């Protein structure tokens, strides 16, 4: 396939999903090979026109994260940014994996210990199995999950996310966290806001600068959710190793990615600005690897002391709305 053909094919996929994203999700069973990432994204170079349309000439946090986690949906700009980030912060791969593991454990907690059956995951990123809906529906088959992202590359992967089981349901919303009303309006097609919802903001808020008032955005989302709803947040910080993380922020900024690292008090404020304030569940706000490690997947234990806070580099916590 030529570069031009690859570009036209990717554009066709993007337009196809864009037309469908506001329509009810049709439940169509897919053969196993549909769960893999579309091969044309990773195996062919895009022509210049396609690159401009999809924004792949500049690094994107979702694709950089995908590369660090060993994924295939990334481009030269993302790989260059990842290389620079790893040079500044050699434990970036450890931090990314610990962050992902926290998301899995927070989801298991919400389902198994808090009885949640609805999830709103904002800043989904490129699908990396197991995805949130796979974790949730493994324990509660009727769980409903809405994924939200605004990257056109993620949009092309929506079908990989729009899979579930016979009882559950998944959907995708193309929106930015800076537009919470659009997110809530679109998510209402799948989620019942009369019942508790688990809001998941994993490794997202440190890409939202103070100028966009991230605390106000989170409070606005939580204020629309009913009592019993939960908020899971993970957020990069310089608290554990200030020189290294400040260097990482500078490197990211040079690559066109703003990284707003926040100290513990600023991160905890995401749970306090809602009305009423959220109650942090034990063990409170801790480094990702310290949050309920016993909820790790059976058979994959993590020995104490194998990861330190400076390697994790991320605060994490879950709060409950009373």
C-alpha atoms as a PDB file:
ATOM      1  CA  UNK A   1       0.000   0.000   0.000  1.00  0.00           C
ATOM      2  CA  UNK A   2       1.371   3.436  -0.915  1.00  0.00           C
ATOM      3  CA  UNK A   3       1.605   6.356   1.511  1.00  0.00           C
ATOM      4  CA  UNK A   4      -1.269   8.041  -0.292  1.00  0.00           C
ATOM      5  CA  UNK A   5      -3.444   4.927  -0.046  1.00  0.00           C
ATOM      6  CA  UNK A   6      -2.628   4.552   3.660  1.00  0.00           C
ATOM      7  CA  UNK A   7      -3.581   8.168   4.255  1.00  0.00           C
ATOM      8  CA  UNK A   8      -6.888   7.807   2.391  1.00  0.00           C
ATOM      9  CA  UNK A   9      -7.679   4.592   4.257  1.00  0.00           C
ATOM     10  CA  UNK A  10      -7.032   6.179   7.658  1.00  0.00           C
ATOM     11  CA  UNK A  11      -9.070   9.241   6.703  1.00  0.00           C
ATOM     12  CA  UNK A  12     -11.969   6.996   5.679  1.00  0.00           C
ATOM     13  CA  UNK A  13     -11.844   5.213   9.046  1.00  0.00           C
ATOM     14  CA  UNK A  14     -11.752   8.520  10.916  1.00  0.00           C
ATOM     15  CA  UNK A  15     -14.721   9.955   8.995  1.00  0.00           C
ATOM     16  CA  UNK A  16     -16.642   6.697   9.453  1.00  0.00           C
ATOM     17  CA  UNK A  17     -16.273   6.738  13.231  1.00  0.00           C
ATOM     18  CA  UNK A  18     -16.899  10.485  13.399  1.00  0.00           C
ATOM     19  CA  UNK A  19     -20.308   9.976  11.745  1.00  0.00           C
ATOM     20  CA  UNK A  20     -21.178   7.181  14.165  1.00  0.00           C
ATOM     21  CA  UNK A  21     -19.999   8.636  17.432  1.00  0.00           C
ATOM     22  CA  UNK A  22     -23.246  10.516  18.205  1.00  0.00           C
ATOM     23  CA  UNK A  23     -25.481   7.585  17.274  1.00  0.00           C
ATOM     24  CA  UNK A  24     -26.467   4.815  19.706  1.00  0.00           C
ATOM     25  CA  UNK A  25     -23.831   2.131  19.806  1.00  0.00           C
ATOM     26  CA  UNK A  26     -24.913  -0.952  17.919  1.00  0.00           C
ATOM     27  CA  UNK A  27     -23.980  -4.136  19.655  1.00  0.00           C
ATOM     28  CA  UNK A  28     -22.228  -6.231  17.038  1.00  0.00           C
ATOM     29  CA  UNK A  29     -20.155  -9.229  18.089  1.00  0.00           C
ATOM     30  CA  UNK A  30     -16.707  -9.021  16.559  1.00  0.00           C
ATOM     31  CA  UNK A  31     -14.280 -11.817  15.781  1.00  0.00           C
ATOM     32  CA  UNK A  32     -11.140 -11.808  17.945  1.00  0.00           C
ATOM     33  CA  UNK A  33      -8.918 -10.202  15.338  1.00  0.00           C
ATOM     34  CA  UNK A  34     -11.001  -7.016  15.489  1.00  0.00           C
ATOM     35  CA  UNK A  35      -9.803  -6.471  19.039  1.00  0.00           C
ATOM     36  CA  UNK A  36      -6.279  -5.782  17.825  1.00  0.00           C
ATOM     37  CA  UNK A  37      -5.134  -2.313  16.807  1.00  0.00           C
ATOM     38  CA  UNK A  38      -5.830  -1.519  13.130  1.00  0.00           C
ATOM     39  CA  UNK A  39      -2.697  -2.702  11.344  1.00  0.00           C
ATOM     40  CA  UNK A  40      -2.623   0.127   8.847  1.00  0.00           C
ATOM     41  CA  UNK A  41      -1.969   2.631  11.641  1.00  0.00           C
ATOM     42  CA  UNK A  42       1.219   0.987  12.800  1.00  0.00           C
ATOM     43  CA  UNK A  43       2.587  -0.591   9.653  1.00  0.00           C
ATOM     44  CA  UNK A  44       2.422   2.216   7.089  1.00  0.00           C
ATOM     45  CA  UNK A  45       3.771   5.724   6.985  1.00  0.00           C
ATOM     46  CA  UNK A  46       1.206   8.462   6.471  1.00  0.00           C
ATOM     47  CA  UNK A  47       1.524  11.066   3.764  1.00  0.00           C
ATOM     48  CA  UNK A  48       1.903  14.724   4.714  1.00  0.00           C
ATOM     49  CA  UNK A  49      -1.775  15.558   4.228  1.00  0.00           C
ATOM     50  CA  UNK A  50      -2.869  12.720   6.528  1.00  0.00           C
ATOM     51  CA  UNK A  51      -0.257  13.740   9.094  1.00  0.00           C
ATOM     52  CA  UNK A  52      -1.610  17.285   9.132  1.00  0.00           C
ATOM     53  CA  UNK A  53      -5.208  16.115   9.527  1.00  0.00           C
ATOM     54  CA  UNK A  54      -4.406  13.753  12.358  1.00  0.00           C
ATOM     55  CA  UNK A  55      -1.832  15.883  14.129  1.00  0.00           C
ATOM     56  CA  UNK A  56       0.884  13.244  14.147  1.00  0.00           C
ATOM     57  CA  UNK A  57       3.691  15.667  13.313  1.00  0.00           C
ATOM     58  CA  UNK A  58       3.672  16.772  16.953  1.00  0.00           C
ATOM     59  CA  UNK A  59       3.994  14.512  19.960  1.00  0.00           C
ATOM     60  CA  UNK A  60       0.765  13.668  21.751  1.00  0.00           C
ATOM     61  CA  UNK A  61       0.635  12.499  25.398  1.00  0.00           C
ATOM     62  CA  UNK A  62      -1.650   9.540  24.587  1.00  0.00           C
ATOM     63  CA  UNK A  63       0.663   8.209  21.877  1.00  0.00           C
ATOM     64  CA  UNK A  64       3.784   8.902  23.944  1.00  0.00           C
ATOM     65  CA  UNK A  65       2.201   6.881  26.774  1.00  0.00           C
ATOM     66  CA  UNK A  66       1.329   4.149  24.283  1.00  0.00           C
ATOM     67  CA  UNK A  67       4.961   3.953  23.157  1.00  0.00           C
ATOM     68  CA  UNK A  68       6.284   3.779  26.723  1.00  0.00           C
ATOM     69  CA  UNK A  69       3.835   0.951  27.462  1.00  0.00           C
ATOM     70  CA  UNK A  70       5.089  -0.963  24.424  1.00  0.00           C
ATOM     71  CA  UNK A  71       2.247  -0.115  22.035  1.00  0.00           C
ATOM     72  CA  UNK A  72       2.360   0.342  18.268  1.00  0.00           C
ATOM     73  CA  UNK A  73       0.125   3.383  17.730  1.00  0.00           C
ATOM     74  CA  UNK A  74       2.757   6.094  17.793  1.00  0.00           C
ATOM     75  CA  UNK A  75       4.755   8.103  15.288  1.00  0.00           C
ATOM     76  CA  UNK A  76       8.288   9.541  14.998  1.00  0.00           C
ATOM     77  CA  UNK A  77       7.383  12.717  16.906  1.00  0.00           C
ATOM     78  CA  UNK A  78       5.983  10.613  19.755  1.00  0.00           C
ATOM     79  CA  UNK A  79       9.005   8.314  19.819  1.00  0.00           C
ATOM     80  CA  UNK A  80      11.429  11.229  19.845  1.00  0.00           C
ATOM     81  CA  UNK A  81       9.522  12.827  22.708  1.00  0.00           C
ATOM     82  CA  UNK A  82       9.465   9.517  24.592  1.00  0.00           C
ATOM     83  CA  UNK A  83      13.216   9.069  24.131  1.00  0.00           C
ATOM     84  CA  UNK A  84      13.859  12.558  25.486  1.00  0.00           C
ATOM     85  CA  UNK A  85      11.494  11.945  28.408  1.00  0.00           C
ATOM     86  CA  UNK A  86      13.164   8.652  29.308  1.00  0.00           C
ATOM     87  CA  UNK A  87      16.582  10.287  29.136  1.00  0.00           C
ATOM     88  CA  UNK A  88      15.403  12.938  31.611  1.00  0.00           C
ATOM     89  CA  UNK A  89      13.445  10.458  33.747  1.00  0.00           C
ATOM     90  CA  UNK A  90      14.868   6.932  33.327  1.00  0.00           C
ATOM     91  CA  UNK A  91      12.081   5.425  35.436  1.00  0.00           C
ATOM     92  CA  UNK A  92       9.360   6.658  33.063  1.00  0.00           C
ATOM     93  CA  UNK A  93       8.490   3.098  32.019  1.00  0.00           C
ATOM     94  CA  UNK A  94       8.135   2.007  35.649  1.00  0.00           C
ATOM     95  CA  UNK A  95       5.969   5.054  36.391  1.00  0.00           C
ATOM     96  CA  UNK A  96       3.716   4.378  33.389  1.00  0.00           C
ATOM     97  CA  UNK A  97       3.193   0.747  34.333  1.00  0.00           C
ATOM     98  CA  UNK A  98       2.497   1.550  37.972  1.00  0.00           C
ATOM     99  CA  UNK A  99       0.004   4.184  36.889  1.00  0.00           C
ATOM    100  CA  UNK A 100      -1.766   1.670  34.650  1.00  0.00           C
ATOM    101  CA  UNK A 101      -1.827  -0.890  37.453  1.00  0.00           C
ATOM    102  CA  UNK A 102      -3.405   1.676  39.771  1.00  0.00           C
ATOM    103  CA  UNK A 103      -6.234   2.156  37.282  1.00  0.00           C
ATOM    104  CA  UNK A 104      -6.862  -1.590  37.251  1.00  0.00           C
ATOM    105  CA  UNK A 105      -6.946  -1.783  41.061  1.00  0.00           C
ATOM    106  CA  UNK A 106      -9.148   1.298  41.432  1.00  0.00           C
ATOM    107  CA  UNK A 107     -11.608  -0.222  38.966  1.00  0.00           C
ATOM    108  CA  UNK A 108     -11.651  -3.537  40.843  1.00  0.00           C
ATOM    109  CA  UNK A 109     -12.240  -1.681  44.108  1.00  0.00           C
ATOM    110  CA  UNK A 110     -15.142   0.291  42.627  1.00  0.00           C
ATOM    111  CA  UNK A 111     -16.818  -2.888  41.361  1.00  0.00           C
ATOM    112  CA  UNK A 112     -16.026  -5.380  44.102  1.00  0.00           C
ATOM    113  CA  UNK A 113     -16.072  -3.244  47.236  1.00  0.00           C
ATOM    114  CA  UNK A 114     -18.262  -0.268  46.331  1.00  0.00           C
ATOM    115  CA  UNK A 115     -20.794  -1.912  44.013  1.00  0.00           C
ATOM    116  CA  UNK A 116     -20.288   0.492  41.108  1.00  0.00           C
ATOM    117  CA  UNK A 117     -21.577  -0.641  37.716  1.00  0.00           C
ATOM    118  CA  UNK A 118     -21.081   2.583  35.696  1.00  0.00           C
ATOM    119  CA  UNK A 119     -17.778   4.169  34.659  1.00  0.00           C
ATOM    120  CA  UNK A 120     -16.858   7.434  32.947  1.00  0.00           C
ATOM    121  CA  UNK A 121     -13.211   7.322  31.843  1.00  0.00           C
ATOM    122  CA  UNK A 122     -11.930  10.692  30.562  1.00  0.00           C
ATOM    123  CA  UNK A 123      -8.579  10.830  28.807  1.00  0.00           C
ATOM    124  CA  UNK A 124      -8.801   7.230  27.657  1.00  0.00           C
ATOM    125  CA  UNK A 125      -5.795   7.268  25.358  1.00  0.00           C
ATOM    126  CA  UNK A 126      -4.834   4.512  22.948  1.00  0.00           C
ATOM    127  CA  UNK A 127      -6.406   1.187  23.990  1.00  0.00           C
ATOM    128  CA  UNK A 128      -4.013  -1.000  25.998  1.00  0.00           C
ATOM    129  CA  UNK A 129      -5.373  -4.323  27.207  1.00  0.00           C
ATOM    130  CA  UNK A 130      -6.759  -4.930  29.666  1.00  0.00           C
ATOM    131  CA  UNK A 131      -8.836  -1.775  29.223  1.00  0.00           C
ATOM    132  CA  UNK A 132     -11.076  -0.426  31.956  1.00  0.00           C
ATOM    133  CA  UNK A 133     -14.238  -2.080  30.631  1.00  0.00           C
ATOM    134  CA  UNK A 134     -12.483  -5.449  30.500  1.00  0.00           C
ATOM    135  CA  UNK A 135     -11.484  -5.142  34.156  1.00  0.00           C
ATOM    136  CA  UNK A 136     -14.926  -3.948  35.246  1.00  0.00           C
ATOM    137  CA  UNK A 137     -16.960  -6.449  33.234  1.00  0.00           C
ATOM    138  CA  UNK A 138     -14.775  -9.342  34.334  1.00  0.00           C
ATOM    139  CA  UNK A 139     -16.198  -8.794  37.830  1.00  0.00           C
ATOM    140  CA  UNK A 140     -19.558  -7.263  36.919  1.00  0.00           C
ATOM    141  CA  UNK A 141     -20.770  -8.341  33.475  1.00  0.00           C
ATOM    142  CA  UNK A 142     -23.512  -5.681  33.387  1.00  0.00           C
ATOM    143  CA  UNK A 143     -21.058  -2.795  33.876  1.00  0.00           C
ATOM    144  CA  UNK A 144     -21.448   0.182  31.545  1.00  0.00           C
ATOM    145  CA  UNK A 145     -18.399   2.181  30.475  1.00  0.00           C
ATOM    146  CA  UNK A 146     -18.105   5.447  28.558  1.00  0.00           C
ATOM    147  CA  UNK A 147     -14.662   6.372  27.241  1.00  0.00           C
ATOM    148  CA  UNK A 148     -13.822  10.002  26.459  1.00  0.00           C
ATOM    149  CA  UNK A 149     -10.917  11.388  24.433  1.00  0.00           C
ATOM    150  CA  UNK A 150     -10.311  14.075  21.824  1.00  0.00           C
ATOM    151  CA  UNK A 151      -7.415  12.603  19.839  1.00  0.00           C
ATOM    152  CA  UNK A 152      -8.429  11.604  16.278  1.00  0.00           C
ATOM    153  CA  UNK A 153      -6.033   8.650  16.461  1.00  0.00           C
ATOM    154  CA  UNK A 154      -7.884   7.373  19.537  1.00  0.00           C
ATOM    155  CA  UNK A 155     -11.115   7.867  17.614  1.00  0.00           C
ATOM    156  CA  UNK A 156      -9.955   5.433  14.964  1.00  0.00           C
ATOM    157  CA  UNK A 157      -9.542   2.845  17.721  1.00  0.00           C
ATOM    158  CA  UNK A 158     -13.026   3.397  19.130  1.00  0.00           C
ATOM    159  CA  UNK A 159     -14.295   0.087  17.769  1.00  0.00           C
ATOM    160  CA  UNK A 160     -11.670  -1.781  19.796  1.00  0.00           C
ATOM    161  CA  UNK A 161     -13.115  -0.091  22.877  1.00  0.00           C
ATOM    162  CA  UNK A 162     -16.756  -0.542  21.885  1.00  0.00           C
ATOM    163  CA  UNK A 163     -16.808  -4.202  22.784  1.00  0.00           C
ATOM    164  CA  UNK A 164     -18.211  -5.828  25.847  1.00  0.00           C
ATOM    165  CA  UNK A 165     -20.213  -8.850  26.752  1.00  0.00           C
ATOM    166  CA  UNK A 166     -23.847  -9.816  26.438  1.00  0.00           C
ATOM    167  CA  UNK A 167     -24.846  -7.938  29.603  1.00  0.00           C
ATOM    168  CA  UNK A 168     -22.586  -4.883  29.638  1.00  0.00           C
ATOM    169  CA  UNK A 169     -22.187  -1.917  27.326  1.00  0.00           C
ATOM    170  CA  UNK A 170     -19.400   0.412  26.239  1.00  0.00           C
ATOM    171  CA  UNK A 171     -19.483   3.702  24.343  1.00  0.00           C
ATOM    172  CA  UNK A 172     -17.067   6.378  23.160  1.00  0.00           C
ATOM    173  CA  UNK A 173     -17.424  10.172  23.333  1.00  0.00           C
ATOM    174  CA  UNK A 174     -15.224  12.467  21.269  1.00  0.00           C
ATOM    175  CA  UNK A 175     -14.724  15.415  23.638  1.00  0.00           C
ATOM    176  CA  UNK A 176     -12.192  17.366  25.703  1.00  0.00           C
ATOM    177  CA  UNK A 177     -12.167  17.432  29.498  1.00  0.00           C
ATOM    178  CA  UNK A 178     -12.270  21.231  29.177  1.00  0.00           C
ATOM    179  CA  UNK A 179     -15.851  20.839  27.926  1.00  0.00           C
ATOM    180  CA  UNK A 180     -17.475  18.915  30.800  1.00  0.00           C
ATOM    181  CA  UNK A 181     -21.047  19.721  29.754  1.00  0.00           C
ATOM    182  CA  UNK A 182     -20.548  18.095  26.347  1.00  0.00           C
ATOM    183  CA  UNK A 183     -19.074  15.018  28.046  1.00  0.00           C
ATOM    184  CA  UNK A 184     -21.976  14.679  30.450  1.00  0.00           C
ATOM    185  CA  UNK A 185     -24.573  15.251  27.736  1.00  0.00           C
ATOM    186  CA  UNK A 186     -23.080  12.590  25.445  1.00  0.00           C
ATOM    187  CA  UNK A 187     -22.388  10.129  28.275  1.00  0.00           C
ATOM    188  CA  UNK A 188     -26.032  10.304  29.366  1.00  0.00           C
ATOM    189  CA  UNK A 189     -26.924   8.213  26.305  1.00  0.00           C
ATOM    190  CA  UNK A 190     -25.223   5.249  27.967  1.00  0.00           C
ATOM    191  CA  UNK A 191     -25.004   6.025  31.686  1.00  0.00           C
ATOM    192  CA  UNK A 192     -27.854   6.574  34.131  1.00  0.00           C
ATOM    193  CA  UNK A 193     -26.894   9.618  36.187  1.00  0.00           C
ATOM    194  CA  UNK A 194     -29.544   8.675  38.716  1.00  0.00           C
ATOM    195  CA  UNK A 195     -27.172   5.898  39.852  1.00  0.00           C
ATOM    196  CA  UNK A 196     -23.568   6.182  41.106  1.00  0.00           C
ATOM    197  CA  UNK A 197     -20.844   6.623  38.505  1.00  0.00           C
ATOM    198  CA  UNK A 198     -17.103   6.048  38.889  1.00  0.00           C
ATOM    199  CA  UNK A 199     -15.294   8.992  37.277  1.00  0.00           C
ATOM    200  CA  UNK A 200     -11.782   8.027  36.198  1.00  0.00           C
ATOM    201  CA  UNK A 201      -9.160  10.733  35.509  1.00  0.00           C
ATOM    202  CA  UNK A 202      -5.983   8.718  35.173  1.00  0.00           C
ATOM    203  CA  UNK A 203      -2.768  10.559  34.247  1.00  0.00           C
ATOM    204  CA  UNK A 204      -4.804  13.319  32.621  1.00  0.00           C
ATOM    205  CA  UNK A 205      -4.924  16.355  34.876  1.00  0.00           C
ATOM    206  CA  UNK A 206      -1.186  17.039  34.772  1.00  0.00           C
ATOM    207  CA  UNK A 207      -1.695  17.920  31.098  1.00  0.00           C
ATOM    208  CA  UNK A 208      -4.243  20.601  32.073  1.00  0.00           C
ATOM    209  CA  UNK A 209      -2.578  23.875  33.027  1.00  0.00           C
ATOM    210  CA  UNK A 210      -3.811  26.177  35.773  1.00  0.00           C
ATOM    211  CA  UNK A 211      -5.128  28.573  33.120  1.00  0.00           C
ATOM    212  CA  UNK A 212      -7.826  25.988  32.313  1.00  0.00           C
ATOM    213  CA  UNK A 213      -8.806  25.668  35.989  1.00  0.00           C
ATOM    214  CA  UNK A 214      -8.562  21.890  36.353  1.00  0.00           C
ATOM    215  CA  UNK A 215      -9.957  21.878  39.900  1.00  0.00           C
ATOM    216  CA  UNK A 216     -13.081  23.681  38.701  1.00  0.00           C
ATOM    217  CA  UNK A 217     -13.486  21.215  35.831  1.00  0.00           C
ATOM    218  CA  UNK A 218     -13.329  18.205  38.158  1.00  0.00           C
ATOM    219  CA  UNK A 219     -15.735  19.821  40.648  1.00  0.00           C
ATOM    220  CA  UNK A 220     -18.180  20.539  37.809  1.00  0.00           C
ATOM    221  CA  UNK A 221     -18.133  16.897  36.724  1.00  0.00           C
ATOM    222  CA  UNK A 222     -18.539  15.548  40.259  1.00  0.00           C
ATOM    223  CA  UNK A 223     -21.322  18.012  41.106  1.00  0.00           C
ATOM    224  CA  UNK A 224     -23.426  16.434  38.349  1.00  0.00           C
ATOM    225  CA  UNK A 225     -22.919  12.895  39.655  1.00  0.00           C
ATOM    226  CA  UNK A 226     -25.176  11.421  42.363  1.00  0.00           C
ATOM    227  CA  UNK A 227     -24.168  10.420  45.907  1.00  0.00           C
ATOM    228  CA  UNK A 228     -22.193   7.196  46.007  1.00  0.00           C
ATOM    229  CA  UNK A 229     -20.219   8.198  42.904  1.00  0.00           C
ATOM    230  CA  UNK A 230     -16.441   7.985  43.045  1.00  0.00           C
ATOM    231  CA  UNK A 231     -13.447   9.857  41.646  1.00  0.00           C
ATOM    232  CA  UNK A 232     -10.161   8.113  40.793  1.00  0.00           C
ATOM    233  CA  UNK A 233      -7.225  10.441  40.114  1.00  0.00           C
ATOM    234  CA  UNK A 234      -3.569   9.868  39.362  1.00  0.00           C
ATOM    235  CA  UNK A 235      -1.348  12.900  38.915  1.00  0.00           C
ATOM    236  CA  UNK A 236       2.336  13.461  38.221  1.00  0.00           C
ATOM    237  CA  UNK A 237       4.288  15.242  40.950  1.00  0.00           C
ATOM    238  CA  UNK A 238       7.737  16.565  41.709  1.00  0.00           C
ATOM    239  CA  UNK A 239       7.341  15.823  45.428  1.00  0.00           C
ATOM    240  CA  UNK A 240       9.431  12.653  45.337  1.00  0.00           C
ATOM    241  CA  UNK A 241      12.332  13.841  43.161  1.00  0.00           C
ATOM    242  CA  UNK A 242      12.102  17.567  42.340  1.00  0.00           C
ATOM    243  CA  UNK A 243      15.237  17.932  40.140  1.00  0.00           C
ATOM    244  CA  UNK A 244      14.383  14.959  37.922  1.00  0.00           C
ATOM    245  CA  UNK A 245      10.721  15.831  37.486  1.00  0.00           C
ATOM    246  CA  UNK A 246      11.430  19.501  36.801  1.00  0.00           C
ATOM    247  CA  UNK A 247      13.873  18.394  34.127  1.00  0.00           C
ATOM    248  CA  UNK A 248      11.172  16.098  32.696  1.00  0.00           C
ATOM    249  CA  UNK A 249       8.696  18.986  32.581  1.00  0.00           C
ATOM    250  CA  UNK A 250      11.211  21.105  30.682  1.00  0.00           C
ATOM    251  CA  UNK A 251      11.868  18.316  28.185  1.00  0.00           C
ATOM    252  CA  UNK A 252       8.145  17.789  27.603  1.00  0.00           C
ATOM    253  CA  UNK A 253       7.610  21.508  27.119  1.00  0.00           C
ATOM    254  CA  UNK A 254      10.358  21.548  24.507  1.00  0.00           C
ATOM    255  CA  UNK A 255       8.456  18.785  22.678  1.00  0.00           C
ATOM    256  CA  UNK A 256       5.234  20.808  22.718  1.00  0.00           C
ATOM    257  CA  UNK A 257       3.640  19.040  25.701  1.00  0.00           C
ATOM    258  CA  UNK A 258       2.766  21.080  28.782  1.00  0.00           C
ATOM    259  CA  UNK A 259       3.296  19.071  31.961  1.00  0.00           C
ATOM    260  CA  UNK A 260       1.787  20.724  35.034  1.00  0.00           C
ATOM    261  CA  UNK A 261       3.258  18.755  37.918  1.00  0.00           C
ATOM    262  CA  UNK A 262       1.437  19.378  41.190  1.00  0.00           C
ATOM    263  CA  UNK A 263       2.385  18.854  44.818  1.00  0.00           C
ATOM    264  CA  UNK A 264       0.386  16.669  47.199  1.00  0.00           C
ATOM    265  CA  UNK A 265      -1.859  19.458  48.513  1.00  0.00           C
ATOM    266  CA  UNK A 266      -2.745  20.563  44.978  1.00  0.00           C
ATOM    267  CA  UNK A 267      -3.584  16.992  43.997  1.00  0.00           C
ATOM    268  CA  UNK A 268      -5.672  16.390  47.107  1.00  0.00           C
ATOM    269  CA  UNK A 269      -7.618  19.543  46.269  1.00  0.00           C
ATOM    270  CA  UNK A 270      -9.254  17.674  43.371  1.00  0.00           C
ATOM    271  CA  UNK A 271     -11.160  15.705  46.007  1.00  0.00           C
ATOM    272  CA  UNK A 272     -11.957  18.762  48.124  1.00  0.00           C
ATOM    273  CA  UNK A 273     -13.385  21.290  45.643  1.00  0.00           C
ATOM    274  CA  UNK A 274     -16.598  19.363  45.030  1.00  0.00           C
ATOM    275  CA  UNK A 275     -19.694  20.132  47.078  1.00  0.00           C
ATOM    276  CA  UNK A 276     -19.712  18.227  49.331  1.00  0.00           C
ATOM    277  CA  UNK A 277     -16.019  17.368  49.506  1.00  0.00           C
ATOM    278  CA  UNK A 278     -15.214  13.768  48.633  1.00  0.00           C
ATOM    279  CA  UNK A 279     -14.115  11.335  51.305  1.00  0.00           C
ATOM    280  CA  UNK A 280     -10.799   9.701  50.422  1.00  0.00           C
ATOM    281  CA  UNK A 281     -10.906   5.937  50.889  1.00  0.00           C
ATOM    282  CA  UNK A 282      -8.019   4.251  52.677  1.00  0.00           C
ATOM    283  CA  UNK A 283      -5.085   4.514  52.263  1.00  0.00           C
ATOM    284  CA  UNK A 284      -5.798   8.070  51.103  1.00  0.00           C
ATOM    285  CA  UNK A 285      -3.597   9.927  48.637  1.00  0.00           C
ATOM    286  CA  UNK A 286      -0.438   7.878  48.123  1.00  0.00           C
ATOM    287  CA  UNK A 287       2.030   6.944  45.387  1.00  0.00           C
ATOM    288  CA  UNK A 288       0.416   4.750  42.730  1.00  0.00           C
ATOM    289  CA  UNK A 289       2.138   1.529  43.784  1.00  0.00           C
ATOM    290  CA  UNK A 290       1.051   2.052  47.409  1.00  0.00           C
ATOM    291  CA  UNK A 291      -2.685   2.202  46.703  1.00  0.00           C
ATOM    292  CA  UNK A 292      -4.263  -1.112  47.761  1.00  0.00           C
ATOM    293  CA  UNK A 293      -1.652  -3.442  46.251  1.00  0.00           C
ATOM    294  CA  UNK A 294      -3.647  -6.452  47.469  1.00  0.00           C
ATOM    295  CA  UNK A 295      -6.154  -5.720  44.712  1.00  0.00           C
ATOM    296  CA  UNK A 296      -3.525  -6.623  42.109  1.00  0.00           C
ATOM    297  CA  UNK A 297      -4.440  -9.323  39.628  1.00  0.00           C
ATOM    298  CA  UNK A 298      -4.146 -12.775  41.177  1.00  0.00           C
ATOM    299  CA  UNK A 299      -0.857 -14.410  40.302  1.00  0.00           C
ATOM    300  CA  UNK A 300       1.003 -11.156  39.610  1.00  0.00           C
ATOM    301  CA  UNK A 301       2.287 -10.067  43.031  1.00  0.00           C
ATOM    302  CA  UNK A 302       4.574  -7.106  43.515  1.00  0.00           C
ATOM    303  CA  UNK A 303       7.123  -7.606  46.223  1.00  0.00           C
ATOM    304  CA  UNK A 304       7.374  -4.789  48.777  1.00  0.00           C
ATOM    305  CA  UNK A 305      10.303  -2.480  48.141  1.00  0.00           C
ATOM    306  CA  UNK A 306      10.679  -3.276  44.440  1.00  0.00           C
ATOM    307  CA  UNK A 307       9.337   0.165  43.491  1.00  0.00           C
ATOM    308  CA  UNK A 308      10.036   3.442  45.266  1.00  0.00           C
ATOM    309  CA  UNK A 309       8.074   6.681  45.295  1.00  0.00           C
ATOM    310  CA  UNK A 310      10.616   8.478  43.124  1.00  0.00           C
ATOM    311  CA  UNK A 311      10.162   5.775  40.476  1.00  0.00           C
ATOM    312  CA  UNK A 312       6.362   5.912  40.630  1.00  0.00           C
ATOM    313  CA  UNK A 313       6.396   9.740  40.549  1.00  0.00           C
ATOM    314  CA  UNK A 314       2.605   9.929  40.668  1.00  0.00           C
ATOM    315  CA  UNK A 315       0.072  10.637  43.415  1.00  0.00           C
ATOM    316  CA  UNK A 316      -3.068   8.464  43.324  1.00  0.00           C
ATOM    317  CA  UNK A 317      -6.291   8.266  45.259  1.00  0.00           C
ATOM    318  CA  UNK A 318      -9.999   7.474  45.161  1.00  0.00           C
ATOM    319  CA  UNK A 319     -12.718   9.576  46.750  1.00  0.00           C
ATOM    320  CA  UNK A 320     -16.420   8.899  47.398  1.00  0.00           C
ATOM    321  CA  UNK A 321     -19.245  11.438  47.169  1.00  0.00           C
ATOM    322  CA  UNK A 322     -21.594  11.352  50.155  1.00  0.00           C
END
